[in-house]
């Protein structure tokens, strides 16, 4: 299984979305999305926020939020 950030980046690009598109639909700053796509969760401010961010991003890029959160928790 791909790591979380790679799954998000792959889904985003396969849908033709930019980081800015995802930022606009989630209201997250682009720098946070870019960090998450690089598997850097330090800008999210803790696990509870990471999980919320992952669910919002998953919805924006067409991924299963529950599966993405489960992958995050496993790694």
PDB file of N, CA and C in Angstrom:
ATOM      1  N   UNK A   1       0.849  -1.191   0.000  1.00  0.00           N
ATOM      2  CA  UNK A   1       0.000   0.000   0.000  1.00  0.00           C
ATOM      3  C   UNK A   1       0.884   1.242   0.000  1.00  0.00           C
ATOM      4  N   UNK A   2       0.506   2.194  -0.807  1.00  0.00           N
ATOM      5  CA  UNK A   2       1.227   3.473  -0.844  1.00  0.00           C
ATOM      6  C   UNK A   2       1.074   4.189   0.486  1.00  0.00           C
ATOM      7  N   UNK A   3       2.051   4.978   0.800  1.00  0.00           N
ATOM      8  CA  UNK A   3       1.895   5.807   1.989  1.00  0.00           C
ATOM      9  C   UNK A   3       0.853   6.883   1.712  1.00  0.00           C
ATOM     10  N   UNK A   4       0.330   7.437   2.763  1.00  0.00           N
ATOM     11  CA  UNK A   4      -0.813   8.343   2.683  1.00  0.00           C
ATOM     12  C   UNK A   4      -0.581   9.508   1.723  1.00  0.00           C
ATOM     13  N   UNK A   5       0.531  10.185   1.864  1.00  0.00           N
ATOM     14  CA  UNK A   5       0.799  11.346   1.019  1.00  0.00           C
ATOM     15  C   UNK A   5       0.835  11.012  -0.455  1.00  0.00           C
ATOM     16  N   UNK A   6       1.429   9.867  -0.785  1.00  0.00           N
ATOM     17  CA  UNK A   6       1.493   9.455  -2.186  1.00  0.00           C
ATOM     18  C   UNK A   6       0.104   9.135  -2.728  1.00  0.00           C
ATOM     19  N   UNK A   7      -0.741   8.538  -1.906  1.00  0.00           N
ATOM     20  CA  UNK A   7      -2.115   8.259  -2.339  1.00  0.00           C
ATOM     21  C   UNK A   7      -2.851   9.554  -2.664  1.00  0.00           C
ATOM     22  N   UNK A   8      -2.687  10.537  -1.803  1.00  0.00           N
ATOM     23  CA  UNK A   8      -3.369  11.823  -2.008  1.00  0.00           C
ATOM     24  C   UNK A   8      -2.851  12.504  -3.270  1.00  0.00           C
ATOM     25  N   UNK A   9      -1.531  12.582  -3.408  1.00  0.00           N
ATOM     26  CA  UNK A   9      -0.947  13.246  -4.577  1.00  0.00           C
ATOM     27  C   UNK A   9      -1.374  12.557  -5.863  1.00  0.00           C
ATOM     28  N   UNK A  10      -1.379  11.235  -5.860  1.00  0.00           N
ATOM     29  CA  UNK A  10      -1.770  10.473  -7.046  1.00  0.00           C
ATOM     30  C   UNK A  10      -3.237  10.722  -7.404  1.00  0.00           C
ATOM     31  N   UNK A  11      -4.107  10.673  -6.399  1.00  0.00           N
ATOM     32  CA  UNK A  11      -5.532  10.912  -6.652  1.00  0.00           C
ATOM     33  C   UNK A  11      -5.768  12.338  -7.137  1.00  0.00           C
ATOM     34  N   UNK A  12      -5.066  13.281  -6.539  1.00  0.00           N
ATOM     35  CA  UNK A  12      -5.232  14.689  -6.921  1.00  0.00           C
ATOM     36  C   UNK A  12      -4.821  14.902  -8.373  1.00  0.00           C
ATOM     37  N   UNK A  13      -3.638  14.408  -8.734  1.00  0.00           N
ATOM     38  CA  UNK A  13      -3.155  14.636 -10.101  1.00  0.00           C
ATOM     39  C   UNK A  13      -3.966  13.848 -11.126  1.00  0.00           C
ATOM     40  N   UNK A  14      -4.436  12.658 -10.755  1.00  0.00           N
ATOM     41  CA  UNK A  14      -5.234  11.886 -11.720  1.00  0.00           C
ATOM     42  C   UNK A  14      -6.580  12.554 -12.003  1.00  0.00           C
ATOM     43  N   UNK A  15      -7.037  13.394 -11.093  1.00  0.00           N
ATOM     44  CA  UNK A  15      -8.280  14.143 -11.304  1.00  0.00           C
ATOM     45  C   UNK A  15      -8.026  15.515 -11.910  1.00  0.00           C
ATOM     46  N   UNK A  16      -6.762  15.808 -12.173  1.00  0.00           N
ATOM     47  CA  UNK A  16      -6.423  17.084 -12.783  1.00  0.00           C
ATOM     48  C   UNK A  16      -6.549  18.264 -11.830  1.00  0.00           C
ATOM     49  N   UNK A  17      -6.430  18.010 -10.544  1.00  0.00           N
ATOM     50  CA  UNK A  17      -6.558  19.072  -9.546  1.00  0.00           C
ATOM     51  C   UNK A  17      -5.186  19.587  -9.132  1.00  0.00           C
ATOM     52  N   UNK A  18      -5.107  20.862  -8.903  1.00  0.00           N
ATOM     53  CA  UNK A  18      -3.879  21.450  -8.362  1.00  0.00           C
ATOM     54  C   UNK A  18      -3.988  21.474  -6.837  1.00  0.00           C
ATOM     55  N   UNK A  19      -2.872  21.734  -6.188  1.00  0.00           N
ATOM     56  CA  UNK A  19      -2.885  21.907  -4.736  1.00  0.00           C
ATOM     57  C   UNK A  19      -3.821  23.061  -4.384  1.00  0.00           C
ATOM     58  N   UNK A  20      -3.815  24.097  -5.185  1.00  0.00           N
ATOM     59  CA  UNK A  20      -4.675  25.260  -4.934  1.00  0.00           C
ATOM     60  C   UNK A  20      -6.155  24.899  -5.054  1.00  0.00           C
ATOM     61  N   UNK A  21      -6.487  24.001  -5.993  1.00  0.00           N
ATOM     62  CA  UNK A  21      -7.877  23.537  -6.111  1.00  0.00           C
ATOM     63  C   UNK A  21      -8.324  22.843  -4.829  1.00  0.00           C
ATOM     64  N   UNK A  22      -7.467  21.968  -4.323  1.00  0.00           N
ATOM     65  CA  UNK A  22      -7.791  21.236  -3.096  1.00  0.00           C
ATOM     66  C   UNK A  22      -7.853  22.202  -1.916  1.00  0.00           C
ATOM     67  N   UNK A  23      -6.947  23.157  -1.886  1.00  0.00           N
ATOM     68  CA  UNK A  23      -6.951  24.155  -0.813  1.00  0.00           C
ATOM     69  C   UNK A  23      -8.260  24.948  -0.825  1.00  0.00           C
ATOM     70  N   UNK A  24      -8.713  25.308  -2.004  1.00  0.00           N
ATOM     71  CA  UNK A  24      -9.956  26.081  -2.109  1.00  0.00           C
ATOM     72  C   UNK A  24     -11.157  25.274  -1.626  1.00  0.00           C
ATOM     73  N   UNK A  25     -11.189  23.980  -1.928  1.00  0.00           N
ATOM     74  CA  UNK A  25     -12.352  23.181  -1.531  1.00  0.00           C
ATOM     75  C   UNK A  25     -12.299  22.733  -0.082  1.00  0.00           C
ATOM     76  N   UNK A  26     -11.114  22.682   0.505  1.00  0.00           N
ATOM     77  CA  UNK A  26     -10.992  22.237   1.898  1.00  0.00           C
ATOM     78  C   UNK A  26     -10.778  23.391   2.874  1.00  0.00           C
ATOM     79  N   UNK A  27     -10.394  24.536   2.349  1.00  0.00           N
ATOM     80  CA  UNK A  27     -10.032  25.711   3.151  1.00  0.00           C
ATOM     81  C   UNK A  27      -8.758  25.489   3.977  1.00  0.00           C
ATOM     82  N   UNK A  28      -7.959  24.520   3.552  1.00  0.00           N
ATOM     83  CA  UNK A  28      -6.641  24.308   4.160  1.00  0.00           C
ATOM     84  C   UNK A  28      -5.625  25.117   3.373  1.00  0.00           C
ATOM     85  N   UNK A  29      -4.580  25.569   4.053  1.00  0.00           N
ATOM     86  CA  UNK A  29      -3.532  26.303   3.357  1.00  0.00           C
ATOM     87  C   UNK A  29      -2.778  25.345   2.429  1.00  0.00           C
ATOM     88  N   UNK A  30      -2.394  25.801   1.241  1.00  0.00           N
ATOM     89  CA  UNK A  30      -1.650  24.938   0.315  1.00  0.00           C
ATOM     90  C   UNK A  30      -0.406  24.319   0.936  1.00  0.00           C
ATOM     91  N   UNK A  31       0.280  25.055   1.808  1.00  0.00           N
ATOM     92  CA  UNK A  31       1.493  24.527   2.418  1.00  0.00           C
ATOM     93  C   UNK A  31       1.189  23.282   3.264  1.00  0.00           C
ATOM     94  N   UNK A  32       0.029  23.232   3.896  1.00  0.00           N
ATOM     95  CA  UNK A  32      -0.352  22.052   4.679  1.00  0.00           C
ATOM     96  C   UNK A  32      -0.615  20.873   3.759  1.00  0.00           C
ATOM     97  N   UNK A  33      -1.300  21.113   2.662  1.00  0.00           N
ATOM     98  CA  UNK A  33      -1.577  20.037   1.704  1.00  0.00           C
ATOM     99  C   UNK A  33      -0.275  19.509   1.116  1.00  0.00           C
ATOM    100  N   UNK A  34       0.616  20.403   0.742  1.00  0.00           N
ATOM    101  CA  UNK A  34       1.908  19.985   0.197  1.00  0.00           C
ATOM    102  C   UNK A  34       2.695  19.171   1.218  1.00  0.00           C
ATOM    103  N   UNK A  35       2.663  19.578   2.475  1.00  0.00           N
ATOM    104  CA  UNK A  35       3.372  18.834   3.512  1.00  0.00           C
ATOM    105  C   UNK A  35       2.772  17.439   3.678  1.00  0.00           C
ATOM    106  N   UNK A  36       1.462  17.347   3.709  1.00  0.00           N
ATOM    107  CA  UNK A  36       0.810  16.046   3.852  1.00  0.00           C
ATOM    108  C   UNK A  36       1.143  15.151   2.667  1.00  0.00           C
ATOM    109  N   UNK A  37       1.160  15.713   1.466  1.00  0.00           N
ATOM    110  CA  UNK A  37       1.521  14.919   0.286  1.00  0.00           C
ATOM    111  C   UNK A  37       2.964  14.420   0.370  1.00  0.00           C
ATOM    112  N   UNK A  38       3.790  15.089   1.163  1.00  0.00           N
ATOM    113  CA  UNK A  38       5.175  14.662   1.380  1.00  0.00           C
ATOM    114  C   UNK A  38       5.303  13.821   2.650  1.00  0.00           C
ATOM    115  N   UNK A  39       4.160  13.409   3.196  1.00  0.00           N
ATOM    116  CA  UNK A  39       4.115  12.609   4.426  1.00  0.00           C
ATOM    117  C   UNK A  39       4.721  13.328   5.617  1.00  0.00           C
ATOM    118  N   UNK A  40       4.591  14.650   5.620  1.00  0.00           N
ATOM    119  CA  UNK A  40       5.016  15.475   6.744  1.00  0.00           C
ATOM    120  C   UNK A  40       3.744  16.010   7.392  1.00  0.00           C
ATOM    121  N   UNK A  41       3.402  15.477   8.548  1.00  0.00           N
ATOM    122  CA  UNK A  41       2.158  15.840   9.215  1.00  0.00           C
ATOM    123  C   UNK A  41       2.375  16.853  10.331  1.00  0.00           C
ATOM    124  N   UNK A  42       3.590  17.372  10.443  1.00  0.00           N
ATOM    125  CA  UNK A  42       3.932  18.270  11.547  1.00  0.00           C
ATOM    126  C   UNK A  42       3.195  19.605  11.491  1.00  0.00           C
ATOM    127  N   UNK A  43       2.798  20.052  10.322  1.00  0.00           N
ATOM    128  CA  UNK A  43       2.102  21.338  10.206  1.00  0.00           C
ATOM    129  C   UNK A  43       0.626  21.254  10.575  1.00  0.00           C
ATOM    130  N   UNK A  44       0.126  20.027  10.723  1.00  0.00           N
ATOM    131  CA  UNK A  44      -1.299  19.854  10.999  1.00  0.00           C
ATOM    132  C   UNK A  44      -1.661  20.055  12.462  1.00  0.00           C
ATOM    133  N   UNK A  45      -0.703  19.981  13.362  1.00  0.00           N
ATOM    134  CA  UNK A  45      -0.974  20.301  14.755  1.00  0.00           C
ATOM    135  C   UNK A  45      -1.489  19.165  15.615  1.00  0.00           C
ATOM    136  N   UNK A  46      -1.105  17.943  15.328  1.00  0.00           N
ATOM    137  CA  UNK A  46      -1.510  16.815  16.172  1.00  0.00           C
ATOM    138  C   UNK A  46      -2.423  15.851  15.449  1.00  0.00           C
ATOM    139  N   UNK A  47      -2.530  14.649  16.003  1.00  0.00           N
ATOM    140  CA  UNK A  47      -3.272  13.574  15.346  1.00  0.00           C
ATOM    141  C   UNK A  47      -4.734  13.907  15.056  1.00  0.00           C
ATOM    142  N   UNK A  48      -5.404  14.545  15.993  1.00  0.00           N
ATOM    143  CA  UNK A  48      -6.817  14.864  15.768  1.00  0.00           C
ATOM    144  C   UNK A  48      -6.977  15.769  14.549  1.00  0.00           C
ATOM    145  N   UNK A  49      -6.083  16.740  14.401  1.00  0.00           N
ATOM    146  CA  UNK A  49      -6.139  17.639  13.251  1.00  0.00           C
ATOM    147  C   UNK A  49      -5.729  16.918  11.969  1.00  0.00           C
ATOM    148  N   UNK A  50      -4.705  16.070  12.056  1.00  0.00           N
ATOM    149  CA  UNK A  50      -4.277  15.303  10.879  1.00  0.00           C
ATOM    150  C   UNK A  50      -5.442  14.486  10.346  1.00  0.00           C
ATOM    151  N   UNK A  51      -6.137  13.793  11.235  1.00  0.00           N
ATOM    152  CA  UNK A  51      -7.260  12.960  10.816  1.00  0.00           C
ATOM    153  C   UNK A  51      -8.336  13.803  10.146  1.00  0.00           C
ATOM    154  N   UNK A  52      -8.638  14.949  10.708  1.00  0.00           N
ATOM    155  CA  UNK A  52      -9.619  15.842  10.081  1.00  0.00           C
ATOM    156  C   UNK A  52      -9.159  16.330   8.724  1.00  0.00           C
ATOM    157  N   UNK A  53      -7.891  16.703   8.632  1.00  0.00           N
ATOM    158  CA  UNK A  53      -7.348  17.160   7.353  1.00  0.00           C
ATOM    159  C   UNK A  53      -7.391  16.039   6.318  1.00  0.00           C
ATOM    160  N   UNK A  54      -7.019  14.833   6.726  1.00  0.00           N
ATOM    161  CA  UNK A  54      -7.034  13.706   5.789  1.00  0.00           C
ATOM    162  C   UNK A  54      -8.443  13.445   5.268  1.00  0.00           C
ATOM    163  N   UNK A  55      -9.423  13.521   6.137  1.00  0.00           N
ATOM    164  CA  UNK A  55     -10.814  13.286   5.701  1.00  0.00           C
ATOM    165  C   UNK A  55     -11.269  14.366   4.707  1.00  0.00           C
ATOM    166  N   UNK A  56     -10.936  15.621   4.983  1.00  0.00           N
ATOM    167  CA  UNK A  56     -11.320  16.708   4.067  1.00  0.00           C
ATOM    168  C   UNK A  56     -10.630  16.555   2.720  1.00  0.00           C
ATOM    169  N   UNK A  57      -9.339  16.253   2.754  1.00  0.00           N
ATOM    170  CA  UNK A  57      -8.588  16.102   1.509  1.00  0.00           C
ATOM    171  C   UNK A  57      -9.079  14.888   0.738  1.00  0.00           C
ATOM    172  N   UNK A  58      -9.339  13.786   1.438  1.00  0.00           N
ATOM    173  CA  UNK A  58      -9.846  12.583   0.776  1.00  0.00           C
ATOM    174  C   UNK A  58     -11.128  12.890   0.024  1.00  0.00           C
ATOM    175  N   UNK A  59     -12.018  13.616   0.654  1.00  0.00           N
ATOM    176  CA  UNK A  59     -13.280  13.982   0.011  1.00  0.00           C
ATOM    177  C   UNK A  59     -13.030  14.823  -1.233  1.00  0.00           C
ATOM    178  N   UNK A  60     -12.078  15.733  -1.144  1.00  0.00           N
ATOM    179  CA  UNK A  60     -11.789  16.639  -2.260  1.00  0.00           C
ATOM    180  C   UNK A  60     -11.164  15.926  -3.457  1.00  0.00           C
ATOM    181  N   UNK A  61     -10.411  14.851  -3.203  1.00  0.00           N
ATOM    182  CA  UNK A  61      -9.706  14.166  -4.300  1.00  0.00           C
ATOM    183  C   UNK A  61     -10.323  12.819  -4.654  1.00  0.00           C
ATOM    184  N   UNK A  62     -11.437  12.475  -4.010  1.00  0.00           N
ATOM    185  CA  UNK A  62     -12.152  11.257  -4.365  1.00  0.00           C
ATOM    186  C   UNK A  62     -11.626   9.975  -3.737  1.00  0.00           C
ATOM    187  N   UNK A  63     -10.995  10.090  -2.587  1.00  0.00           N
ATOM    188  CA  UNK A  63     -10.524   8.901  -1.877  1.00  0.00           C
ATOM    189  C   UNK A  63     -11.471   8.569  -0.729  1.00  0.00           C
ATOM    190  N   UNK A  64     -11.366   7.348  -0.225  1.00  0.00           N
ATOM    191  CA  UNK A  64     -12.124   6.908   0.939  1.00  0.00           C
ATOM    192  C   UNK A  64     -11.431   7.445   2.189  1.00  0.00           C
ATOM    193  N   UNK A  65     -12.064   8.372   2.870  1.00  0.00           N
ATOM    194  CA  UNK A  65     -11.477   9.000   4.050  1.00  0.00           C
ATOM    195  C   UNK A  65     -11.168   8.019   5.156  1.00  0.00           C
ATOM    196  N   UNK A  66     -12.059   7.054   5.386  1.00  0.00           N
ATOM    197  CA  UNK A  66     -11.827   6.065   6.444  1.00  0.00           C
ATOM    198  C   UNK A  66     -10.598   5.224   6.144  1.00  0.00           C
ATOM    199  N   UNK A  67     -10.464   4.777   4.899  1.00  0.00           N
ATOM    200  CA  UNK A  67      -9.310   3.963   4.511  1.00  0.00           C
ATOM    201  C   UNK A  67      -8.021   4.775   4.621  1.00  0.00           C
ATOM    202  N   UNK A  68      -8.070   6.031   4.240  1.00  0.00           N
ATOM    203  CA  UNK A  68      -6.887   6.886   4.316  1.00  0.00           C
ATOM    204  C   UNK A  68      -6.467   7.084   5.774  1.00  0.00           C
ATOM    205  N   UNK A  69      -7.429   7.320   6.650  1.00  0.00           N
ATOM    206  CA  UNK A  69      -7.123   7.486   8.074  1.00  0.00           C
ATOM    207  C   UNK A  69      -6.557   6.185   8.640  1.00  0.00           C
ATOM    208  N   UNK A  70      -7.127   5.048   8.249  1.00  0.00           N
ATOM    209  CA  UNK A  70      -6.595   3.758   8.714  1.00  0.00           C
ATOM    210  C   UNK A  70      -5.148   3.578   8.275  1.00  0.00           C
ATOM    211  N   UNK A  71      -4.840   3.947   7.031  1.00  0.00           N
ATOM    212  CA  UNK A  71      -3.450   3.850   6.543  1.00  0.00           C
ATOM    213  C   UNK A  71      -2.541   4.762   7.351  1.00  0.00           C
ATOM    214  N   UNK A  72      -3.014   5.965   7.655  1.00  0.00           N
ATOM    215  CA  UNK A  72      -2.226   6.903   8.462  1.00  0.00           C
ATOM    216  C   UNK A  72      -1.915   6.292   9.832  1.00  0.00           C
ATOM    217  N   UNK A  73      -2.930   5.727  10.455  1.00  0.00           N
ATOM    218  CA  UNK A  73      -2.754   5.151  11.787  1.00  0.00           C
ATOM    219  C   UNK A  73      -1.806   3.956  11.780  1.00  0.00           C
ATOM    220  N   UNK A  74      -1.793   3.208  10.679  1.00  0.00           N
ATOM    221  CA  UNK A  74      -0.892   2.049  10.562  1.00  0.00           C
ATOM    222  C   UNK A  74       0.562   2.471  10.364  1.00  0.00           C
ATOM    223  N   UNK A  75       0.785   3.636   9.797  1.00  0.00           N
ATOM    224  CA  UNK A  75       2.156   4.052   9.484  1.00  0.00           C
ATOM    225  C   UNK A  75       2.548   5.170  10.333  1.00  0.00           C
TER     226      UNK A  75
END
